[in-house]
């Protein structure tokens, strides 16, 4: 078992773009190391679990078919902008992120009374 490692947003975006068929012609990302593969699997699993929540938050911006799997969800999500832009929108408008509801994104009064 490998320790948790973060995955840069641009790398995660490139991997999911390639997985979903959104990568341009010949644009292949380099193969992932064994440690990075674990991070990618965890990130995709967490994102898959949050599809209903994220589709609910984004409402009519997401077509109904986006709820049927990671590939369709990612394709619909990327039509809204880059992953960086989407992360900013989720944090600003909904106090959440793609992979989790982070404590630091909650209003200050909620953070003070919630367990760490």
N, C-alpha and C. Protein backbone atom coordinates (compact mmCIF):
# COMPACT_ATOMS: atom_id res chain seq x y z
N UNK A 1 0.84 -1.19 0.00
CA UNK A 1 0.00 0.00 0.00
C UNK A 1 0.88 1.25 0.00
N UNK A 2 0.56 2.15 -0.88
CA UNK A 2 1.35 3.37 -0.98
C UNK A 2 0.67 4.49 -0.21
N UNK A 3 1.46 5.41 0.33
CA UNK A 3 0.84 6.54 1.02
C UNK A 3 0.11 7.43 0.03
N UNK A 4 -0.80 8.24 0.56
CA UNK A 4 -1.57 9.15 -0.28
C UNK A 4 -0.63 10.15 -0.94
N UNK A 5 -0.83 10.37 -2.20
CA UNK A 5 -0.09 11.39 -2.95
C UNK A 5 -1.11 12.23 -3.70
N UNK A 6 -0.85 13.52 -3.74
CA UNK A 6 -1.76 14.38 -4.49
C UNK A 6 -1.47 14.24 -5.98
N UNK A 7 -2.44 14.60 -6.77
CA UNK A 7 -2.34 14.51 -8.22
C UNK A 7 -2.58 15.91 -8.78
N UNK A 8 -1.62 16.46 -9.53
CA UNK A 8 -1.83 17.80 -10.09
C UNK A 8 -3.10 17.85 -10.96
N UNK A 9 -3.80 18.96 -10.88
CA UNK A 9 -5.06 19.12 -11.62
C UNK A 9 -4.86 18.92 -13.11
N UNK A 10 -3.80 19.50 -13.67
CA UNK A 10 -3.57 19.37 -15.12
C UNK A 10 -3.35 17.90 -15.51
N UNK A 11 -2.66 17.16 -14.68
CA UNK A 11 -2.41 15.74 -14.97
C UNK A 11 -3.71 14.95 -14.90
N UNK A 12 -4.51 15.19 -13.86
CA UNK A 12 -5.79 14.52 -13.71
C UNK A 12 -6.71 14.83 -14.88
N UNK A 13 -6.73 16.09 -15.29
CA UNK A 13 -7.55 16.51 -16.44
C UNK A 13 -7.10 15.79 -17.71
N UNK A 14 -5.79 15.71 -17.94
CA UNK A 14 -5.28 15.05 -19.15
C UNK A 14 -5.62 13.57 -19.16
N UNK A 15 -5.51 12.92 -18.01
CA UNK A 15 -5.81 11.49 -17.92
C UNK A 15 -7.28 11.23 -18.18
N UNK A 16 -8.16 12.00 -17.56
CA UNK A 16 -9.59 11.80 -17.78
C UNK A 16 -10.02 12.22 -19.18
N UNK A 17 -9.40 13.24 -19.73
CA UNK A 17 -9.69 13.62 -21.12
C UNK A 17 -9.35 12.46 -22.05
N UNK A 18 -8.19 11.86 -21.84
CA UNK A 18 -7.77 10.73 -22.67
C UNK A 18 -8.71 9.54 -22.46
N UNK A 19 -9.06 9.27 -21.23
CA UNK A 19 -9.95 8.13 -20.90
C UNK A 19 -11.34 8.32 -21.51
N UNK A 20 -11.79 9.57 -21.58
CA UNK A 20 -13.13 9.87 -22.09
C UNK A 20 -13.14 10.16 -23.59
N UNK A 21 -12.01 10.10 -24.23
CA UNK A 21 -11.94 10.36 -25.66
C UNK A 21 -11.94 11.83 -26.02
N UNK A 22 -11.58 12.71 -25.10
CA UNK A 22 -11.58 14.15 -25.37
C UNK A 22 -10.21 14.67 -25.76
N UNK A 23 -9.18 13.86 -25.61
CA UNK A 23 -7.83 14.30 -25.94
C UNK A 23 -7.71 14.49 -27.45
N UNK A 24 -6.94 15.48 -27.84
CA UNK A 24 -6.74 15.75 -29.26
C UNK A 24 -5.97 14.62 -29.94
N UNK A 25 -5.89 14.69 -31.24
CA UNK A 25 -5.19 13.67 -32.02
C UNK A 25 -3.73 13.57 -31.59
N UNK A 26 -3.33 12.36 -31.23
CA UNK A 26 -1.95 12.11 -30.85
C UNK A 26 -1.53 12.66 -29.51
N UNK A 27 -2.44 13.29 -28.79
CA UNK A 27 -2.12 13.87 -27.49
C UNK A 27 -2.30 12.81 -26.41
N UNK A 28 -1.24 12.09 -26.15
CA UNK A 28 -1.29 11.05 -25.12
C UNK A 28 -0.42 11.49 -23.95
N UNK A 29 -0.95 11.31 -22.75
CA UNK A 29 -0.17 11.65 -21.58
C UNK A 29 0.84 10.54 -21.30
N UNK A 30 1.94 10.87 -20.65
CA UNK A 30 2.93 9.84 -20.35
C UNK A 30 2.35 8.80 -19.39
N UNK A 31 2.86 7.57 -19.43
CA UNK A 31 2.33 6.54 -18.54
C UNK A 31 2.54 6.91 -17.08
N UNK A 32 1.61 6.50 -16.26
CA UNK A 32 1.66 6.81 -14.83
C UNK A 32 2.57 5.83 -14.10
N UNK A 33 3.27 6.35 -13.10
CA UNK A 33 4.07 5.48 -12.25
C UNK A 33 3.12 4.66 -11.37
N UNK A 34 3.67 3.69 -10.67
CA UNK A 34 2.84 2.85 -9.82
C UNK A 34 2.18 3.67 -8.70
N UNK A 35 2.91 4.59 -8.13
CA UNK A 35 2.35 5.45 -7.08
C UNK A 35 1.26 6.34 -7.65
N UNK A 36 1.52 6.92 -8.83
CA UNK A 36 0.54 7.80 -9.46
C UNK A 36 -0.72 7.02 -9.86
N UNK A 37 -0.57 5.77 -10.27
CA UNK A 37 -1.73 4.95 -10.61
C UNK A 37 -2.68 4.80 -9.43
N UNK A 38 -2.13 4.64 -8.24
CA UNK A 38 -2.96 4.56 -7.04
C UNK A 38 -3.72 5.86 -6.80
N UNK A 39 -3.05 6.98 -6.99
CA UNK A 39 -3.70 8.29 -6.83
C UNK A 39 -4.81 8.47 -7.86
N UNK A 40 -4.55 8.04 -9.08
CA UNK A 40 -5.54 8.16 -10.16
C UNK A 40 -6.76 7.30 -9.85
N UNK A 41 -6.53 6.07 -9.43
CA UNK A 41 -7.66 5.18 -9.09
C UNK A 41 -8.51 5.76 -7.97
N UNK A 42 -7.86 6.27 -6.92
CA UNK A 42 -8.62 6.86 -5.81
C UNK A 42 -9.41 8.08 -6.27
N UNK A 43 -8.79 8.93 -7.07
CA UNK A 43 -9.47 10.14 -7.54
C UNK A 43 -10.67 9.79 -8.43
N UNK A 44 -10.51 8.83 -9.32
CA UNK A 44 -11.62 8.44 -10.20
C UNK A 44 -12.73 7.78 -9.40
N UNK A 45 -12.37 6.94 -8.43
CA UNK A 45 -13.40 6.30 -7.59
C UNK A 45 -14.19 7.36 -6.81
N UNK A 46 -13.48 8.32 -6.21
CA UNK A 46 -14.15 9.37 -5.44
C UNK A 46 -15.03 10.23 -6.35
N UNK A 47 -14.53 10.58 -7.52
CA UNK A 47 -15.32 11.37 -8.45
C UNK A 47 -16.57 10.61 -8.89
N UNK A 48 -16.43 9.32 -9.16
CA UNK A 48 -17.58 8.49 -9.56
C UNK A 48 -18.66 8.48 -8.48
N UNK A 49 -18.24 8.44 -7.21
CA UNK A 49 -19.19 8.44 -6.10
C UNK A 49 -19.94 9.76 -6.00
N UNK A 50 -19.31 10.85 -6.44
CA UNK A 50 -19.90 12.19 -6.29
C UNK A 50 -20.67 12.68 -7.50
N UNK A 51 -20.79 11.86 -8.54
CA UNK A 51 -21.49 12.28 -9.75
C UNK A 51 -22.92 12.75 -9.45
N UNK A 52 -23.74 12.00 -8.69
CA UNK A 52 -25.10 12.49 -8.43
C UNK A 52 -25.11 13.84 -7.70
N UNK A 53 -24.24 14.02 -6.73
CA UNK A 53 -24.18 15.29 -6.00
C UNK A 53 -23.77 16.43 -6.92
N UNK A 54 -22.72 16.22 -7.69
CA UNK A 54 -22.23 17.28 -8.57
C UNK A 54 -23.24 17.62 -9.66
N UNK A 55 -23.91 16.61 -10.20
CA UNK A 55 -24.95 16.87 -11.20
C UNK A 55 -26.10 17.66 -10.57
N UNK A 56 -26.42 17.34 -9.34
CA UNK A 56 -27.47 18.08 -8.64
C UNK A 56 -27.08 19.53 -8.41
N UNK A 57 -25.84 19.77 -8.03
CA UNK A 57 -25.37 21.14 -7.80
C UNK A 57 -25.33 21.95 -9.08
N UNK A 58 -24.84 21.33 -10.14
CA UNK A 58 -24.69 22.05 -11.41
C UNK A 58 -26.00 22.14 -12.20
N UNK A 59 -27.00 21.37 -11.78
CA UNK A 59 -28.35 21.47 -12.32
C UNK A 59 -28.44 21.31 -13.82
N UNK A 60 -29.07 22.29 -14.45
CA UNK A 60 -29.36 22.20 -15.88
C UNK A 60 -28.12 22.33 -16.75
N UNK A 61 -27.00 22.67 -16.16
CA UNK A 61 -25.76 22.73 -16.94
C UNK A 61 -25.29 21.33 -17.33
N UNK A 62 -25.78 20.32 -16.60
CA UNK A 62 -25.36 18.94 -16.84
C UNK A 62 -26.53 18.15 -17.43
N UNK A 63 -26.34 17.52 -18.59
CA UNK A 63 -27.41 16.72 -19.18
C UNK A 63 -27.68 15.48 -18.33
N UNK A 64 -28.88 14.94 -18.45
CA UNK A 64 -29.26 13.77 -17.67
C UNK A 64 -28.32 12.60 -17.93
N UNK A 65 -27.83 12.45 -19.15
CA UNK A 65 -26.93 11.34 -19.49
C UNK A 65 -25.62 11.40 -18.72
N UNK A 66 -25.26 12.56 -18.17
CA UNK A 66 -24.01 12.69 -17.41
C UNK A 66 -24.04 11.85 -16.14
N UNK A 67 -25.23 11.47 -15.69
CA UNK A 67 -25.35 10.70 -14.45
C UNK A 67 -25.07 9.21 -14.67
N UNK A 68 -24.84 8.80 -15.91
CA UNK A 68 -24.75 7.37 -16.20
C UNK A 68 -23.34 6.79 -16.15
N UNK A 69 -22.33 7.58 -15.95
CA UNK A 69 -20.99 7.04 -15.87
C UNK A 69 -19.93 8.12 -15.92
N UNK A 70 -18.74 7.74 -15.55
CA UNK A 70 -17.65 8.70 -15.45
C UNK A 70 -17.31 9.32 -16.81
N UNK A 71 -17.33 8.55 -17.88
CA UNK A 71 -16.98 9.10 -19.20
C UNK A 71 -17.96 10.17 -19.65
N UNK A 72 -19.24 9.88 -19.55
CA UNK A 72 -20.25 10.88 -19.97
C UNK A 72 -20.26 12.07 -19.03
N UNK A 73 -20.09 11.81 -17.73
CA UNK A 73 -20.03 12.91 -16.77
C UNK A 73 -18.86 13.83 -17.09
N UNK A 74 -17.68 13.24 -17.29
CA UNK A 74 -16.49 14.05 -17.57
C UNK A 74 -16.64 14.83 -18.86
N UNK A 75 -17.19 14.22 -19.90
CA UNK A 75 -17.40 14.92 -21.17
C UNK A 75 -18.32 16.12 -20.98
N UNK A 76 -19.40 15.93 -20.23
CA UNK A 76 -20.34 17.04 -19.98
C UNK A 76 -19.69 18.11 -19.11
N UNK A 77 -18.94 17.69 -18.11
CA UNK A 77 -18.29 18.64 -17.21
C UNK A 77 -17.26 19.49 -17.95
N UNK A 78 -16.50 18.88 -18.83
CA UNK A 78 -15.46 19.61 -19.56
C UNK A 78 -16.05 20.61 -20.55
N UNK A 79 -17.30 20.43 -20.94
CA UNK A 79 -17.95 21.43 -21.79
C UNK A 79 -18.17 22.74 -21.03
N UNK A 80 -18.14 22.66 -19.70
CA UNK A 80 -18.32 23.85 -18.87
C UNK A 80 -17.03 24.64 -18.71
N UNK A 81 -15.89 24.04 -19.05
CA UNK A 81 -14.62 24.75 -18.94
C UNK A 81 -13.50 23.82 -18.52
N UNK A 82 -12.36 24.41 -18.21
CA UNK A 82 -11.22 23.63 -17.76
C UNK A 82 -11.48 23.14 -16.34
N UNK A 83 -10.72 22.16 -15.92
CA UNK A 83 -10.89 21.64 -14.57
C UNK A 83 -10.62 22.72 -13.54
N UNK A 84 -9.62 23.56 -13.79
CA UNK A 84 -9.33 24.66 -12.87
C UNK A 84 -10.52 25.61 -12.72
N UNK A 85 -11.16 25.96 -13.84
CA UNK A 85 -12.33 26.84 -13.80
C UNK A 85 -13.49 26.18 -13.06
N UNK A 86 -13.66 24.88 -13.27
CA UNK A 86 -14.75 24.15 -12.62
C UNK A 86 -14.50 24.08 -11.12
N UNK A 87 -13.26 23.84 -10.71
CA UNK A 87 -12.93 23.81 -9.29
C UNK A 87 -13.22 25.15 -8.62
N UNK A 88 -12.88 26.23 -9.31
CA UNK A 88 -13.16 27.57 -8.77
C UNK A 88 -14.65 27.79 -8.63
N UNK A 89 -15.43 27.40 -9.63
CA UNK A 89 -16.89 27.57 -9.57
C UNK A 89 -17.48 26.75 -8.43
N UNK A 90 -17.05 25.51 -8.28
CA UNK A 90 -17.59 24.66 -7.21
C UNK A 90 -17.25 25.23 -5.84
N UNK A 91 -16.03 25.73 -5.67
CA UNK A 91 -15.63 26.30 -4.39
C UNK A 91 -16.38 27.59 -4.10
N UNK A 92 -16.48 28.46 -5.08
CA UNK A 92 -17.12 29.76 -4.91
C UNK A 92 -18.62 29.64 -4.70
N UNK A 93 -19.28 28.87 -5.56
CA UNK A 93 -20.74 28.84 -5.56
C UNK A 93 -21.34 27.80 -4.61
N UNK A 94 -20.62 26.70 -4.38
CA UNK A 94 -21.21 25.58 -3.63
C UNK A 94 -20.38 25.12 -2.44
N UNK A 95 -19.23 25.75 -2.22
CA UNK A 95 -18.34 25.40 -1.10
C UNK A 95 -17.98 23.92 -1.10
N UNK A 96 -17.67 23.39 -2.27
CA UNK A 96 -17.30 21.99 -2.40
C UNK A 96 -16.24 21.86 -3.50
N UNK A 97 -15.84 20.64 -3.80
CA UNK A 97 -14.86 20.39 -4.83
C UNK A 97 -15.27 19.14 -5.59
N UNK A 98 -14.47 18.75 -6.58
CA UNK A 98 -14.80 17.56 -7.36
C UNK A 98 -14.73 16.29 -6.52
N UNK A 99 -13.75 16.20 -5.66
CA UNK A 99 -13.51 14.95 -4.94
C UNK A 99 -13.97 14.94 -3.50
N UNK A 100 -14.41 16.06 -2.96
CA UNK A 100 -14.86 16.06 -1.57
C UNK A 100 -15.35 17.40 -1.11
N UNK A 101 -16.03 17.38 0.01
CA UNK A 101 -16.50 18.60 0.66
C UNK A 101 -15.46 18.95 1.72
N UNK A 102 -14.53 19.79 1.36
CA UNK A 102 -13.43 20.09 2.25
C UNK A 102 -13.83 21.05 3.35
N UNK A 103 -13.34 20.77 4.54
CA UNK A 103 -13.65 21.58 5.71
C UNK A 103 -13.27 23.04 5.49
N UNK A 104 -12.16 23.29 4.82
CA UNK A 104 -11.69 24.65 4.60
C UNK A 104 -12.62 25.46 3.70
N UNK A 105 -13.49 24.81 2.93
CA UNK A 105 -14.40 25.53 2.05
C UNK A 105 -15.72 25.89 2.74
N UNK A 106 -15.93 25.37 3.95
CA UNK A 106 -17.15 25.71 4.68
C UNK A 106 -17.04 27.13 5.24
N UNK A 107 -18.18 27.77 5.51
CA UNK A 107 -18.13 29.08 6.15
C UNK A 107 -17.43 28.97 7.50
N UNK A 108 -16.79 30.03 7.93
CA UNK A 108 -15.99 30.00 9.16
C UNK A 108 -16.80 29.53 10.36
N UNK A 109 -18.05 29.97 10.48
CA UNK A 109 -18.85 29.58 11.65
C UNK A 109 -19.11 28.08 11.69
N UNK A 110 -19.17 27.42 10.53
CA UNK A 110 -19.35 25.96 10.51
C UNK A 110 -18.04 25.24 10.82
N UNK A 111 -16.92 25.77 10.39
CA UNK A 111 -15.63 25.12 10.64
C UNK A 111 -15.30 25.11 12.12
N UNK A 112 -15.65 26.15 12.84
CA UNK A 112 -15.31 26.26 14.25
C UNK A 112 -16.04 25.21 15.09
N UNK A 113 -17.22 24.77 14.64
CA UNK A 113 -18.02 23.85 15.43
C UNK A 113 -18.02 22.44 14.90
N UNK A 114 -17.25 22.16 13.87
CA UNK A 114 -17.23 20.81 13.31
C UNK A 114 -15.95 20.11 13.73
N UNK A 115 -16.02 18.77 13.85
CA UNK A 115 -14.80 18.04 14.23
C UNK A 115 -13.76 18.11 13.11
N UNK A 116 -12.53 18.06 13.50
CA UNK A 116 -11.41 18.15 12.54
C UNK A 116 -11.34 16.97 11.61
